[in-house]
Amino acid sequence: MASEKSDLLQGTLDMLVLKIVALEPVHGYGIAQRIQQISREVLQVQQGSLYPALHRLEKRGWLKAGWHVSETGREAKFYTLTRAGRKQLDAEAANWGRLAGAVELIMRTAE
């Protein structure tokens, strides 16, 4: 049975990108692939959403970018997490935990 794919909730893309980049330096296509793989094909990020998010995160100083040779032998823009990006990721992860807990409480409420 094929998994249903879901669009990302508004506001979660930045957090997921920061988390993936925190794991290792990675290029944009690799970020999209990792999100899809780790979510077991449930989440997918479109290029039209990903690249504006990467530029936004870089402009805010949460990501740093540099050109390097990718695994295919081509040059690609790789992103790394900055110290400010780590702090933002920690804050967003804590907020996500509170939000997820609140939604779970509501969903478990008997009618």
PDB file of N, CA and C in Angstrom:
ATOM      1  N   MET A   1       0.849  -1.176   0.000  1.00  0.00           N
ATOM      2  CA  MET A   1       0.000   0.000   0.000  1.00  0.00           C
ATOM      3  C   MET A   1       0.898   1.244   0.000  1.00  0.00           C
ATOM      4  N   ALA A   2       0.676   2.130  -0.933  1.00  0.00           N
ATOM      5  CA  ALA A   2       1.500   3.339  -1.047  1.00  0.00           C
ATOM      6  C   ALA A   2       1.141   4.345   0.038  1.00  0.00           C
ATOM      7  N   SER A   3       2.153   5.043   0.522  1.00  0.00           N
ATOM      8  CA  SER A   3       1.934   6.068   1.534  1.00  0.00           C
ATOM      9  C   SER A   3       1.343   7.304   0.884  1.00  0.00           C
ATOM     10  N   GLU A   4       0.475   7.983   1.610  1.00  0.00           N
ATOM     11  CA  GLU A   4      -0.022   9.264   1.139  1.00  0.00           C
ATOM     12  C   GLU A   4       1.046  10.304   1.414  1.00  0.00           C
ATOM     13  N   LYS A   5       1.225  11.202   0.457  1.00  0.00           N
ATOM     14  CA  LYS A   5       2.177  12.291   0.653  1.00  0.00           C
ATOM     15  C   LYS A   5       1.435  13.477   1.222  1.00  0.00           C
ATOM     16  N   SER A   6       2.107  14.233   2.071  1.00  0.00           N
ATOM     17  CA  SER A   6       1.480  15.380   2.716  1.00  0.00           C
ATOM     18  C   SER A   6       2.276  16.637   2.450  1.00  0.00           C
ATOM     19  N   ASP A   7       1.560  17.735   2.305  1.00  0.00           N
ATOM     20  CA  ASP A   7       2.220  19.027   2.235  1.00  0.00           C
ATOM     21  C   ASP A   7       2.670  19.391   3.636  1.00  0.00           C
ATOM     22  N   LEU A   8       3.749  20.125   3.719  1.00  0.00           N
ATOM     23  CA  LEU A   8       4.245  20.554   5.025  1.00  0.00           C
ATOM     24  C   LEU A   8       3.331  21.618   5.612  1.00  0.00           C
ATOM     25  N   LEU A   9       3.132  21.561   6.908  1.00  0.00           N
ATOM     26  CA  LEU A   9       2.395  22.614   7.584  1.00  0.00           C
ATOM     27  C   LEU A   9       3.155  23.915   7.450  1.00  0.00           C
ATOM     28  N   GLN A  10       2.418  24.984   7.301  1.00  0.00           N
ATOM     29  CA  GLN A  10       3.071  26.288   7.193  1.00  0.00           C
ATOM     30  C   GLN A  10       3.922  26.522   8.446  1.00  0.00           C
ATOM     31  N   GLY A  11       5.136  26.983   8.249  1.00  0.00           N
ATOM     32  CA  GLY A  11       6.016  27.278   9.374  1.00  0.00           C
ATOM     33  C   GLY A  11       6.924  26.129   9.787  1.00  0.00           C
ATOM     34  N   THR A  12       6.709  24.937   9.267  1.00  0.00           N
ATOM     35  CA  THR A  12       7.561  23.818   9.670  1.00  0.00           C
ATOM     36  C   THR A  12       8.748  23.612   8.728  1.00  0.00           C
ATOM     37  N   LEU A  13       8.669  24.153   7.527  1.00  0.00           N
ATOM     38  CA  LEU A  13       9.739  23.932   6.555  1.00  0.00           C
ATOM     39  C   LEU A  13      11.073  24.450   7.062  1.00  0.00           C
ATOM     40  N   ASP A  14      11.096  25.658   7.626  1.00  0.00           N
ATOM     41  CA  ASP A  14      12.359  26.208   8.132  1.00  0.00           C
ATOM     42  C   ASP A  14      12.971  25.289   9.176  1.00  0.00           C
ATOM     43  N   MET A  15      12.148  24.808  10.102  1.00  0.00           N
ATOM     44  CA  MET A  15      12.641  23.931  11.163  1.00  0.00           C
ATOM     45  C   MET A  15      13.215  22.636  10.579  1.00  0.00           C
ATOM     46  N   LEU A  16      12.524  22.046   9.613  1.00  0.00           N
ATOM     47  CA  LEU A  16      12.996  20.794   9.021  1.00  0.00           C
ATOM     48  C   LEU A  16      14.291  21.001   8.240  1.00  0.00           C
ATOM     49  N   VAL A  17      14.383  22.112   7.525  1.00  0.00           N
ATOM     50  CA  VAL A  17      15.613  22.407   6.787  1.00  0.00           C
ATOM     51  C   VAL A  17      16.772  22.579   7.762  1.00  0.00           C
ATOM     52  N   LEU A  18      16.561  23.338   8.833  1.00  0.00           N
ATOM     53  CA  LEU A  18      17.619  23.527   9.828  1.00  0.00           C
ATOM     54  C   LEU A  18      18.047  22.181  10.420  1.00  0.00           C
ATOM     55  N   LYS A  19      17.094  21.313  10.694  1.00  0.00           N
ATOM     56  CA  LYS A  19      17.412  19.999  11.268  1.00  0.00           C
ATOM     57  C   LYS A  19      18.245  19.154  10.303  1.00  0.00           C
ATOM     58  N   ILE A  20      17.857  19.123   9.048  1.00  0.00           N
ATOM     59  CA  ILE A  20      18.595  18.324   8.060  1.00  0.00           C
ATOM     60  C   ILE A  20      20.014  18.858   7.889  1.00  0.00           C
ATOM     61  N   VAL A  21      20.146  20.182   7.810  1.00  0.00           N
ATOM     62  CA  VAL A  21      21.474  20.779   7.638  1.00  0.00           C
ATOM     63  C   VAL A  21      22.328  20.577   8.887  1.00  0.00           C
ATOM     64  N   ALA A  22      21.693  20.492  10.062  1.00  0.00           N
ATOM     65  CA  ALA A  22      22.435  20.243  11.303  1.00  0.00           C
ATOM     66  C   ALA A  22      23.102  18.869  11.279  1.00  0.00           C
ATOM     67  N   LEU A  23      22.559  17.937  10.527  1.00  0.00           N
ATOM     68  CA  LEU A  23      23.119  16.587  10.464  1.00  0.00           C
ATOM     69  C   LEU A  23      24.448  16.550   9.722  1.00  0.00           C
ATOM     70  N   GLU A  24      24.546  17.345   8.634  1.00  0.00           N
ATOM     71  CA  GLU A  24      25.777  17.419   7.838  1.00  0.00           C
ATOM     72  C   GLU A  24      25.599  18.493   6.773  1.00  0.00           C
ATOM     73  N   PRO A  25      26.686  19.049   6.259  1.00  0.00           N
ATOM     74  CA  PRO A  25      26.567  19.994   5.152  1.00  0.00           C
ATOM     75  C   PRO A  25      25.896  19.299   3.964  1.00  0.00           C
ATOM     76  N   VAL A  26      24.968  19.979   3.333  1.00  0.00           N
ATOM     77  CA  VAL A  26      24.190  19.341   2.268  1.00  0.00           C
ATOM     78  C   VAL A  26      23.683  20.397   1.288  1.00  0.00           C
ATOM     79  N   HIS A  27      23.489  19.976   0.042  1.00  0.00           N
ATOM     80  CA  HIS A  27      22.956  20.875  -0.990  1.00  0.00           C
ATOM     81  C   HIS A  27      21.425  20.801  -0.995  1.00  0.00           C
ATOM     82  N   GLY A  28      20.805  21.734  -1.713  1.00  0.00           N
ATOM     83  CA  GLY A  28      19.348  21.844  -1.711  1.00  0.00           C
ATOM     84  C   GLY A  28      18.630  20.572  -2.100  1.00  0.00           C
ATOM     85  N   TYR A  29      19.032  19.949  -3.197  1.00  0.00           N
ATOM     86  CA  TYR A  29      18.388  18.715  -3.625  1.00  0.00           C
ATOM     87  C   TYR A  29      18.527  17.638  -2.549  1.00  0.00           C
ATOM     88  N   GLY A  30      19.685  17.589  -1.915  1.00  0.00           N
ATOM     89  CA  GLY A  30      19.912  16.616  -0.850  1.00  0.00           C
ATOM     90  C   GLY A  30      18.999  16.849   0.341  1.00  0.00           C
ATOM     91  N   ILE A  31      18.715  18.116   0.648  1.00  0.00           N
ATOM     92  CA  ILE A  31      17.802  18.442   1.753  1.00  0.00           C
ATOM     93  C   ILE A  31      16.419  17.890   1.448  1.00  0.00           C
ATOM     94  N   ALA A  32      15.932  18.144   0.237  1.00  0.00           N
ATOM     95  CA  ALA A  32      14.606  17.649  -0.155  1.00  0.00           C
ATOM     96  C   ALA A  32      14.559  16.124  -0.090  1.00  0.00           C
ATOM     97  N   GLN A  33      15.612  15.475  -0.563  1.00  0.00           N
ATOM     98  CA  GLN A  33      15.663  14.011  -0.553  1.00  0.00           C
ATOM     99  C   GLN A  33      15.681  13.457   0.871  1.00  0.00           C
ATOM    100  N   ARG A  34      16.478  14.071   1.746  1.00  0.00           N
ATOM    101  CA  ARG A  34      16.555  13.596   3.135  1.00  0.00           C
ATOM    102  C   ARG A  34      15.221  13.739   3.843  1.00  0.00           C
ATOM    103  N   ILE A  35      14.537  14.867   3.646  1.00  0.00           N
ATOM    104  CA  ILE A  35      13.229  15.055   4.271  1.00  0.00           C
ATOM    105  C   ILE A  35      12.276  13.965   3.803  1.00  0.00           C
ATOM    106  N   GLN A  36      12.278  13.696   2.509  1.00  0.00           N
ATOM    107  CA  GLN A  36      11.394  12.663   1.961  1.00  0.00           C
ATOM    108  C   GLN A  36      11.775  11.277   2.490  1.00  0.00           C
ATOM    109  N   GLN A  37      13.050  10.967   2.523  1.00  0.00           N
ATOM    110  CA  GLN A  37      13.500   9.650   2.986  1.00  0.00           C
ATOM    111  C   GLN A  37      13.225   9.446   4.473  1.00  0.00           C
ATOM    112  N   ILE A  38      13.612  10.417   5.293  1.00  0.00           N
ATOM    113  CA  ILE A  38      13.461  10.267   6.740  1.00  0.00           C
ATOM    114  C   ILE A  38      11.986  10.200   7.135  1.00  0.00           C
ATOM    115  N   SER A  39      11.136  10.917   6.390  1.00  0.00           N
ATOM    116  CA  SER A  39       9.692  10.892   6.695  1.00  0.00           C
ATOM    117  C   SER A  39       9.005   9.677   6.089  1.00  0.00           C
ATOM    118  N   ARG A  40       9.780   8.775   5.539  1.00  0.00           N
ATOM    119  CA  ARG A  40       9.253   7.563   4.894  1.00  0.00           C
ATOM    120  C   ARG A  40       8.288   7.914   3.764  1.00  0.00           C
ATOM    121  N   GLU A  41       8.713   8.889   2.983  1.00  0.00           N
ATOM    122  CA  GLU A  41       7.997   9.321   1.777  1.00  0.00           C
ATOM    123  C   GLU A  41       6.688  10.068   2.065  1.00  0.00           C
ATOM    124  N   VAL A  42       6.435  10.434   3.309  1.00  0.00           N
ATOM    125  CA  VAL A  42       5.205  11.159   3.643  1.00  0.00           C
ATOM    126  C   VAL A  42       5.345  12.639   3.313  1.00  0.00           C
ATOM    127  N   LEU A  43       6.482  13.223   3.624  1.00  0.00           N
ATOM    128  CA  LEU A  43       6.707  14.644   3.371  1.00  0.00           C
ATOM    129  C   LEU A  43       7.550  14.826   2.122  1.00  0.00           C
ATOM    130  N   GLN A  44       7.155  15.792   1.321  1.00  0.00           N
ATOM    131  CA  GLN A  44       7.976  16.146   0.169  1.00  0.00           C
ATOM    132  C   GLN A  44       8.023  17.655   0.058  1.00  0.00           C
ATOM    133  N   VAL A  45       9.173  18.156  -0.324  1.00  0.00           N
ATOM    134  CA  VAL A  45       9.376  19.594  -0.423  1.00  0.00           C
ATOM    135  C   VAL A  45       9.590  19.942  -1.881  1.00  0.00           C
ATOM    136  N   GLN A  46       8.782  20.843  -2.371  1.00  0.00           N
ATOM    137  CA  GLN A  46       8.903  21.295  -3.758  1.00  0.00           C
ATOM    138  C   GLN A  46      10.003  22.339  -3.864  1.00  0.00           C
ATOM    139  N   GLN A  47      10.682  22.366  -5.006  1.00  0.00           N
ATOM    140  CA  GLN A  47      11.758  23.336  -5.219  1.00  0.00           C
ATOM    141  C   GLN A  47      11.271  24.766  -5.048  1.00  0.00           C
ATOM    142  N   GLY A  48      10.030  25.023  -5.440  1.00  0.00           N
ATOM    143  CA  GLY A  48       9.458  26.360  -5.331  1.00  0.00           C
ATOM    144  C   GLY A  48       9.289  26.823  -3.902  1.00  0.00           C
ATOM    145  N   SER A  49       9.296  25.902  -2.959  1.00  0.00           N
ATOM    146  CA  SER A  49       9.243  26.239  -1.537  1.00  0.00           C
ATOM    147  C   SER A  49      10.627  26.165  -0.898  1.00  0.00           C
ATOM    148  N   LEU A  50      11.417  25.166  -1.307  1.00  0.00           N
ATOM    149  CA  LEU A  50      12.706  24.924  -0.672  1.00  0.00           C
ATOM    150  C   LEU A  50      13.711  26.050  -0.907  1.00  0.00           C
ATOM    151  N   TYR A  51      13.899  26.446  -2.152  1.00  0.00           N
ATOM    152  CA  TYR A  51      14.957  27.413  -2.434  1.00  0.00           C
ATOM    153  C   TYR A  51      14.673  28.800  -1.856  1.00  0.00           C
ATOM    154  N   PRO A  52      13.430  29.281  -1.880  1.00  0.00           N
ATOM    155  CA  PRO A  52      13.163  30.540  -1.154  1.00  0.00           C
ATOM    156  C   PRO A  52      13.425  30.400   0.348  1.00  0.00           C
ATOM    157  N   ALA A  53      13.116  29.229   0.919  1.00  0.00           N
ATOM    158  CA  ALA A  53      13.383  29.000   2.349  1.00  0.00           C
ATOM    159  C   ALA A  53      14.883  29.022   2.613  1.00  0.00           C
ATOM    160  N   LEU A  54      15.668  28.390   1.759  1.00  0.00           N
ATOM    161  CA  LEU A  54      17.122  28.387   1.936  1.00  0.00           C
ATOM    162  C   LEU A  54      17.685  29.809   1.872  1.00  0.00           C
ATOM    163  N   HIS A  55      17.219  30.593   0.928  1.00  0.00           N
ATOM    164  CA  HIS A  55      17.677  31.983   0.827  1.00  0.00           C
ATOM    165  C   HIS A  55      17.271  32.789   2.056  1.00  0.00           C
ATOM    166  N   ARG A  56      16.059  32.568   2.532  1.00  0.00           N
ATOM    167  CA  ARG A  56      15.569  33.274   3.724  1.00  0.00           C
ATOM    168  C   ARG A  56      16.418  32.915   4.949  1.00  0.00           C
ATOM    169  N   LEU A  57      16.703  31.629   5.125  1.00  0.00           N
ATOM    170  CA  LEU A  57      17.484  31.169   6.278  1.00  0.00           C
ATOM    171  C   LEU A  57      18.928  31.679   6.202  1.00  0.00           C
ATOM    172  N   GLU A  58      19.456  31.745   4.989  1.00  0.00           N
ATOM    173  CA  GLU A  58      20.811  32.271   4.815  1.00  0.00           C
ATOM    174  C   GLU A  58      20.830  33.779   5.126  1.00  0.00           C
ATOM    175  N   LYS A  59      19.821  34.491   4.654  1.00  0.00           N
ATOM    176  CA  LYS A  59      19.743  35.936   4.901  1.00  0.00           C
ATOM    177  C   LYS A  59      19.620  36.249   6.391  1.00  0.00           C
ATOM    178  N   ARG A  60      18.932  35.385   7.128  1.00  0.00           N
ATOM    179  CA  ARG A  60      18.775  35.577   8.571  1.00  0.00           C
ATOM    180  C   ARG A  60      20.021  35.165   9.352  1.00  0.00           C
ATOM    181  N   GLY A  61      20.998  34.583   8.670  1.00  0.00           N
ATOM    182  CA  GLY A  61      22.237  34.195   9.330  1.00  0.00           C
ATOM    183  C   GLY A  61      22.174  32.832   9.998  1.00  0.00           C
ATOM    184  N   TRP A  62      21.171  32.038   9.678  1.00  0.00           N
ATOM    185  CA  TRP A  62      21.019  30.720  10.292  1.00  0.00           C
ATOM    186  C   TRP A  62      21.708  29.628   9.487  1.00  0.00           C
ATOM    187  N   LEU A  63      21.938  29.896   8.200  1.00  0.00           N
ATOM    188  CA  LEU A  63      22.677  28.988   7.328  1.00  0.00           C
ATOM    189  C   LEU A  63      23.805  29.756   6.663  1.00  0.00           C
ATOM    190  N   LYS A  64      24.859  29.030   6.363  1.00  0.00           N
ATOM    191  CA  LYS A  64      25.979  29.571   5.597  1.00  0.00           C
ATOM    192  C   LYS A  64      26.117  28.675   4.376  1.00  0.00           C
ATOM    193  N   ALA A  65      26.377  29.283   3.212  1.00  0.00           N
ATOM    194  CA  ALA A  65      26.450  28.503   1.978  1.00  0.00           C
ATOM    195  C   ALA A  65      27.812  28.664   1.311  1.00  0.00           C
ATOM    196  N   GLY A  66      28.233  27.614   0.633  1.00  0.00           N
ATOM    197  CA  GLY A  66      29.470  27.639  -0.134  1.00  0.00           C
ATOM    198  C   GLY A  66      29.415  26.612  -1.245  1.00  0.00           C
ATOM    199  N   TRP A  67      30.127  26.868  -2.304  1.00  0.00           N
ATOM    200  CA  TRP A  67      30.132  25.958  -3.454  1.00  0.00           C
ATOM    201  C   TRP A  67      31.165  24.850  -3.255  1.00  0.00           C
ATOM    202  N   HIS A  68      30.713  23.608  -3.472  1.00  0.00           N
ATOM    203  CA  HIS A  68      31.579  22.434  -3.357  1.00  0.00           C
ATOM    204  C   HIS A  68      31.162  21.417  -4.417  1.00  0.00           C
ATOM    205  N   VAL A  69      32.023  20.465  -4.675  1.00  0.00           N
ATOM    206  CA  VAL A  69      31.707  19.404  -5.630  1.00  0.00           C
ATOM    207  C   VAL A  69      30.804  18.381  -4.941  1.00  0.00           C
ATOM    208  N   SER A  70      29.696  18.056  -5.600  1.00  0.00           N
ATOM    209  CA  SER A  70      28.741  17.100  -5.038  1.00  0.00           C
ATOM    210  C   SER A  70      29.155  15.672  -5.368  1.00  0.00           C
ATOM    211  N   GLU A  71      28.375  14.723  -4.874  1.00  0.00           N
ATOM    212  CA  GLU A  71      28.653  13.311  -5.109  1.00  0.00           C
ATOM    213  C   GLU A  71      28.554  12.940  -6.592  1.00  0.00           C
ATOM    214  N   THR A  72      27.898  13.783  -7.397  1.00  0.00           N
ATOM    215  CA  THR A  72      27.786  13.531  -8.837  1.00  0.00           C
ATOM    216  C   THR A  72      28.942  14.148  -9.620  1.00  0.00           C
ATOM    217  N   GLY A  73      29.838  14.869  -8.921  1.00  0.00           N
ATOM    218  CA  GLY A  73      30.965  15.505  -9.579  1.00  0.00           C
ATOM    219  C   GLY A  73      30.686  16.922 -10.054  1.00  0.00           C
ATOM    220  N   ARG A  74      29.469  17.385  -9.840  1.00  0.00           N
ATOM    221  CA  ARG A  74      29.107  18.746 -10.232  1.00  0.00           C
ATOM    222  C   ARG A  74      29.207  19.680  -9.037  1.00  0.00           C
ATOM    223  N   GLU A  75      29.409  20.961  -9.334  1.00  0.00           N
ATOM    224  CA  GLU A  75      29.428  21.949  -8.254  1.00  0.00           C
ATOM    225  C   GLU A  75      28.009  22.195  -7.775  1.00  0.00           C
ATOM    226  N   ALA A  76      27.847  22.287  -6.478  1.00  0.00           N
ATOM    227  CA  ALA A  76      26.544  22.556  -5.878  1.00  0.00           C
ATOM    228  C   ALA A  76      26.749  23.453  -4.667  1.00  0.00           C
ATOM    229  N   LYS A  77      25.730  24.203  -4.344  1.00  0.00           N
ATOM    230  CA  LYS A  77      25.771  25.087  -3.179  1.00  0.00           C
ATOM    231  C   LYS A  77      25.412  24.252  -1.952  1.00  0.00           C
ATOM    232  N   PHE A  78      26.384  24.072  -1.060  1.00  0.00           N
ATOM    233  CA  PHE A  78      26.175  23.303   0.166  1.00  0.00           C
ATOM    234  C   PHE A  78      25.884  24.262   1.315  1.00  0.00           C
ATOM    235  N   TYR A  79      24.993  23.852   2.185  1.00  0.00           N
ATOM    236  CA  TYR A  79      24.586  24.668   3.327  1.00  0.00           C
ATOM    237  C   TYR A  79      25.082  24.044   4.613  1.00  0.00           C
ATOM    238  N   THR A  80      25.531  24.901   5.532  1.00  0.00           N
ATOM    239  CA  THR A  80      25.910  24.469   6.875  1.00  0.00           C
ATOM    240  C   THR A  80      25.164  25.330   7.884  1.00  0.00           C
ATOM    241  N   LEU A  81      24.966  24.778   9.064  1.00  0.00           N
ATOM    242  CA  LEU A  81      24.256  25.472  10.131  1.00  0.00           C
ATOM    243  C   LEU A  81      25.228  26.392  10.867  1.00  0.00           C
ATOM    244  N   THR A  82      24.803  27.618  11.134  1.00  0.00           N
ATOM    245  CA  THR A  82      25.611  28.548  11.917  1.00  0.00           C
ATOM    246  C   THR A  82      25.257  28.386  13.400  1.00  0.00           C
ATOM    247  N   ARG A  83      26.010  29.040  14.243  1.00  0.00           N
ATOM    248  CA  ARG A  83      25.706  29.014  15.681  1.00  0.00           C
ATOM    249  C   ARG A  83      24.311  29.597  15.938  1.00  0.00           C
ATOM    250  N   ALA A  84      23.994  30.698  15.248  1.00  0.00           N
ATOM    251  CA  ALA A  84      22.658  31.307  15.384  1.00  0.00           C
ATOM    252  C   ALA A  84      21.585  30.341  14.868  1.00  0.00           C
ATOM    253  N   GLY A  85      21.918  29.587  13.815  1.00  0.00           N
ATOM    254  CA  GLY A  85      20.985  28.591  13.281  1.00  0.00           C
ATOM    255  C   GLY A  85      20.718  27.477  14.277  1.00  0.00           C
ATOM    256  N   ARG A  86      21.746  27.066  15.018  1.00  0.00           N
ATOM    257  CA  ARG A  86      21.590  26.027  16.052  1.00  0.00           C
ATOM    258  C   ARG A  86      20.644  26.520  17.144  1.00  0.00           C
ATOM    259  N   LYS A  87      20.821  27.773  17.561  1.00  0.00           N
ATOM    260  CA  LYS A  87      19.939  28.342  18.588  1.00  0.00           C
ATOM    261  C   LYS A  87      18.497  28.408  18.080  1.00  0.00           C
ATOM    262  N   GLN A  88      18.330  28.796  16.819  1.00  0.00           N
ATOM    263  CA  GLN A  88      16.987  28.875  16.239  1.00  0.00           C
ATOM    264  C   GLN A  88      16.364  27.488  16.138  1.00  0.00           C
ATOM    265  N   LEU A  89      17.142  26.506  15.722  1.00  0.00           N
ATOM    266  CA  LEU A  89      16.642  25.133  15.637  1.00  0.00           C
ATOM    267  C   LEU A  89      16.189  24.646  17.007  1.00  0.00           C
ATOM    268  N   ASP A  90      16.977  24.895  18.028  1.00  0.00           N
ATOM    269  CA  ASP A  90      16.605  24.486  19.382  1.00  0.00           C
ATOM    270  C   ASP A  90      15.298  25.146  19.812  1.00  0.00           C
ATOM    271  N   ALA A  91      15.144  26.440  19.521  1.00  0.00           N
ATOM    272  CA  ALA A  91      13.925  27.166  19.886  1.00  0.00           C
ATOM    273  C   ALA A  91      12.726  26.628  19.120  1.00  0.00           C
ATOM    274  N   GLU A  92      12.902  26.384  17.831  1.00  0.00           N
ATOM    275  CA  GLU A  92      11.792  25.880  17.019  1.00  0.00           C
ATOM    276  C   GLU A  92      11.413  24.460  17.412  1.00  0.00           C
ATOM    277  N   ALA A  93      12.396  23.638  17.759  1.00  0.00           N
ATOM    278  CA  ALA A  93      12.103  22.265  18.188  1.00  0.00           C
ATOM    279  C   ALA A  93      11.317  22.265  19.500  1.00  0.00           C
ATOM    280  N   ALA A  94      11.676  23.138  20.414  1.00  0.00           N
ATOM    281  CA  ALA A  94      10.945  23.239  21.679  1.00  0.00           C
ATOM    282  C   ALA A  94       9.517  23.702  21.434  1.00  0.00           C
ATOM    283  N   ASN A  95       9.357  24.691  20.572  1.00  0.00           N
ATOM    284  CA  ASN A  95       8.020  25.180  20.250  1.00  0.00           C
ATOM    285  C   ASN A  95       7.191  24.100  19.570  1.00  0.00           C
ATOM    286  N   TRP A  96       7.817  23.357  18.646  1.00  0.00           N
ATOM    287  CA  TRP A  96       7.113  22.268  17.962  1.00  0.00           C
ATOM    288  C   TRP A  96       6.662  21.211  18.975  1.00  0.00           C
ATOM    289  N   GLY A  97       7.491  20.889  19.936  1.00  0.00           N
ATOM    290  CA  GLY A  97       7.125  19.917  20.967  1.00  0.00           C
ATOM    291  C   GLY A  97       5.906  20.362  21.752  1.00  0.00           C
ATOM    292  N   ARG A  98       5.856  21.632  22.116  1.00  0.00           N
ATOM    293  CA  ARG A  98       4.684  22.169  22.830  1.00  0.00           C
ATOM    294  C   ARG A  98       3.433  22.092  21.959  1.00  0.00           C
ATOM    295  N   LEU A  99       3.564  22.494  20.695  1.00  0.00           N
ATOM    296  CA  LEU A  99       2.434  22.480  19.776  1.00  0.00           C
ATOM    297  C   LEU A  99       1.927  21.059  19.545  1.00  0.00           C
ATOM    298  N   ALA A 100       2.836  20.135  19.289  1.00  0.00           N
ATOM    299  CA  ALA A 100       2.443  18.740  19.046  1.00  0.00           C
ATOM    300  C   ALA A 100       1.762  18.147  20.279  1.00  0.00           C
ATOM    301  N   GLY A 101       2.276  18.465  21.462  1.00  0.00           N
ATOM    302  CA  GLY A 101       1.656  17.980  22.698  1.00  0.00           C
ATOM    303  C   GLY A 101       0.260  18.525  22.876  1.00  0.00           C
ATOM    304  N   ALA A 102       0.053  19.795  22.555  1.00  0.00           N
ATOM    305  CA  ALA A 102      -1.266  20.407  22.682  1.00  0.00           C
ATOM    306  C   ALA A 102      -2.256  19.784  21.700  1.00  0.00           C
ATOM    307  N   VAL A 103      -1.820  19.555  20.461  1.00  0.00           N
ATOM    308  CA  VAL A 103      -2.702  18.927  19.476  1.00  0.00           C
ATOM    309  C   VAL A 103      -3.047  17.514  19.913  1.00  0.00           C
ATOM    310  N   GLU A 104      -2.075  16.785  20.438  1.00  0.00           N
ATOM    311  CA  GLU A 104      -2.330  15.421  20.915  1.00  0.00           C
ATOM    312  C   GLU A 104      -3.360  15.419  22.030  1.00  0.00           C
ATOM    313  N   LEU A 105      -3.251  16.359  22.953  1.00  0.00           N
ATOM    314  CA  LEU A 105      -4.232  16.442  24.036  1.00  0.00           C
ATOM    315  C   LEU A 105      -5.647  16.659  23.491  1.00  0.00           C
ATOM    316  N   ILE A 106      -5.762  17.529  22.531  1.00  0.00           N
ATOM    317  CA  ILE A 106      -7.082  17.794  21.943  1.00  0.00           C
ATOM    318  C   ILE A 106      -7.600  16.559  21.224  1.00  0.00           C
ATOM    319  N   MET A 107      -6.751  15.881  20.477  1.00  0.00           N
ATOM    320  CA  MET A 107      -7.175  14.701  19.708  1.00  0.00           C
ATOM    321  C   MET A 107      -7.548  13.540  20.606  1.00  0.00           C
ATOM    322  N   ARG A 108      -6.985  13.454  21.788  1.00  0.00           N
ATOM    323  CA  ARG A 108      -7.288  12.355  22.713  1.00  0.00           C
ATOM    324  C   ARG A 108      -8.522  12.624  23.575  1.00  0.00           C
ATOM    325  N   THR A 109      -9.060  13.817  23.474  1.00  0.00           N
ATOM    326  CA  THR A 109     -10.228  14.171  24.261  1.00  0.00           C
ATOM    327  C   THR A 109     -11.430  13.393  23.755  1.00  0.00           C
ATOM    328  N   ALA A 110     -12.117  12.728  24.656  1.00  0.00           N
ATOM    329  CA  ALA A 110     -13.306  11.953  24.289  1.00  0.00           C
ATOM    330  C   ALA A 110     -14.451  12.923  23.944  1.00  0.00           C
ATOM    331  N   GLU A 111     -15.256  12.500  23.012  1.00  0.00           N
ATOM    332  CA  GLU A 111     -16.417  13.335  22.632  1.00  0.00           C
ATOM    333  C   GLU A 111     -17.531  13.162  23.629  1.00  0.00           C
TER     334      GLU A 111
END
